[in-house]
C-alpha cells in the first residue's frame, strides 16, 4: 500500500465521521475521476498486454485458465 492510499483512506474516514451525508457524493466524484483517467489511458498506445480485472476476481493472463 502506498502512502497516498493511506492518506486518501484516512481522509475518507474523517469525512465519514464529520459529514457522513457528503461521503456518497465524494466517492462518486472520485470514481468519475478514475474512470476519466482510465479512459484517457486506454486511448494511448501501450506496449505489451494490458487488462483490467474486477476486484475480487482471479488475475490470469488472457488465454490461460
C-alpha atoms as a PDB file:
ATOM      1  CA  UNK A   1       0.000   0.000   0.000  1.00  0.00           C
ATOM      2  CA  UNK A   2       1.292   3.408  -0.926  1.00  0.00           C
ATOM      3  CA  UNK A   3       1.416   6.420   1.425  1.00  0.00           C
ATOM      4  CA  UNK A   4      -1.096   8.269  -0.799  1.00  0.00           C
ATOM      5  CA  UNK A   5      -3.523   5.348  -0.476  1.00  0.00           C
ATOM      6  CA  UNK A   6      -3.350   5.583   3.296  1.00  0.00           C
ATOM      7  CA  UNK A   7      -3.829   9.364   3.138  1.00  0.00           C
ATOM      8  CA  UNK A   8      -6.918   9.013   0.915  1.00  0.00           C
ATOM      9  CA  UNK A   9      -8.362   6.304   3.153  1.00  0.00           C
ATOM     10  CA  UNK A  10      -7.776   8.487   6.229  1.00  0.00           C
ATOM     11  CA  UNK A  11      -9.446  11.475   4.573  1.00  0.00           C
ATOM     12  CA  UNK A  12     -12.471   9.373   3.595  1.00  0.00           C
ATOM     13  CA  UNK A  13     -12.713   8.013   7.150  1.00  0.00           C
ATOM     14  CA  UNK A  14     -12.588  11.567   8.523  1.00  0.00           C
ATOM     15  CA  UNK A  15     -15.331  12.700   6.142  1.00  0.00           C
ATOM     16  CA  UNK A  16     -17.483   9.709   7.065  1.00  0.00           C
ATOM     17  CA  UNK A  17     -17.251  10.778  10.715  1.00  0.00           C
ATOM     18  CA  UNK A  18     -17.613  14.558  10.259  1.00  0.00           C
ATOM     19  CA  UNK A  19     -20.017  14.758   7.307  1.00  0.00           C
ATOM     20  CA  UNK A  20     -21.460  11.302   6.545  1.00  0.00           C
ATOM     21  CA  UNK A  21     -24.048  12.808   4.193  1.00  0.00           C
ATOM     22  CA  UNK A  22     -21.214  14.014   1.910  1.00  0.00           C
ATOM     23  CA  UNK A  23     -19.409  10.671   1.700  1.00  0.00           C
ATOM     24  CA  UNK A  24     -21.539   9.171  -1.089  1.00  0.00           C
ATOM     25  CA  UNK A  25     -21.131  12.124  -3.422  1.00  0.00           C
ATOM     26  CA  UNK A  26     -17.395  12.305  -2.708  1.00  0.00           C
ATOM     27  CA  UNK A  27     -16.927   8.628  -3.557  1.00  0.00           C
ATOM     28  CA  UNK A  28     -18.956   9.124  -6.754  1.00  0.00           C
ATOM     29  CA  UNK A  29     -16.730  12.088  -7.670  1.00  0.00           C
ATOM     30  CA  UNK A  30     -13.570  10.024  -7.083  1.00  0.00           C
ATOM     31  CA  UNK A  31     -14.984   7.147  -9.155  1.00  0.00           C
ATOM     32  CA  UNK A  32     -15.846   9.508 -12.026  1.00  0.00           C
ATOM     33  CA  UNK A  33     -12.334  10.955 -11.931  1.00  0.00           C
ATOM     34  CA  UNK A  34     -10.774   7.484 -12.002  1.00  0.00           C
ATOM     35  CA  UNK A  35     -12.969   6.475 -14.950  1.00  0.00           C
ATOM     36  CA  UNK A  36     -11.823   9.583 -16.852  1.00  0.00           C
ATOM     37  CA  UNK A  37      -8.210   8.647 -16.153  1.00  0.00           C
ATOM     38  CA  UNK A  38      -8.771   5.045 -17.274  1.00  0.00           C
ATOM     39  CA  UNK A  39     -10.493   6.254 -20.438  1.00  0.00           C
ATOM     40  CA  UNK A  40      -7.574   8.551 -21.234  1.00  0.00           C
ATOM     41  CA  UNK A  41      -5.084   5.756 -20.604  1.00  0.00           C
ATOM     42  CA  UNK A  42      -6.953   3.375 -22.874  1.00  0.00           C
ATOM     43  CA  UNK A  43      -6.552   5.851 -25.749  1.00  0.00           C
ATOM     44  CA  UNK A  44      -2.777   5.825 -25.516  1.00  0.00           C
ATOM     45  CA  UNK A  45      -0.625   3.244 -27.239  1.00  0.00           C
ATOM     46  CA  UNK A  46       0.704   0.644 -24.835  1.00  0.00           C
ATOM     47  CA  UNK A  47       3.434  -1.914 -25.273  1.00  0.00           C
ATOM     48  CA  UNK A  48       2.579  -5.433 -24.136  1.00  0.00           C
ATOM     49  CA  UNK A  49      -0.638  -6.879 -22.807  1.00  0.00           C
ATOM     50  CA  UNK A  50      -2.722  -4.647 -20.553  1.00  0.00           C
ATOM     51  CA  UNK A  51      -6.041  -5.521 -18.979  1.00  0.00           C
ATOM     52  CA  UNK A  52      -8.270  -4.602 -16.055  1.00  0.00           C
ATOM     53  CA  UNK A  53      -9.608  -7.246 -13.674  1.00  0.00           C
ATOM     54  CA  UNK A  54     -12.603  -6.623 -11.416  1.00  0.00           C
ATOM     55  CA  UNK A  55     -11.657  -6.565  -7.751  1.00  0.00           C
ATOM     56  CA  UNK A  56     -12.100  -9.951  -6.152  1.00  0.00           C
ATOM     57  CA  UNK A  57     -11.737 -11.921  -9.361  1.00  0.00           C
ATOM     58  CA  UNK A  58      -8.809 -14.136 -10.289  1.00  0.00           C
ATOM     59  CA  UNK A  59      -5.912 -12.450 -12.028  1.00  0.00           C
ATOM     60  CA  UNK A  60      -4.825 -14.504 -15.017  1.00  0.00           C
ATOM     61  CA  UNK A  61      -3.210 -13.767 -18.338  1.00  0.00           C
ATOM     62  CA  UNK A  62      -5.569 -13.766 -21.317  1.00  0.00           C
ATOM     63  CA  UNK A  63      -5.952 -17.245 -22.786  1.00  0.00           C
ATOM     64  CA  UNK A  64      -4.763 -19.002 -19.608  1.00  0.00           C
ATOM     65  CA  UNK A  65      -7.033 -20.667 -17.055  1.00  0.00           C
END
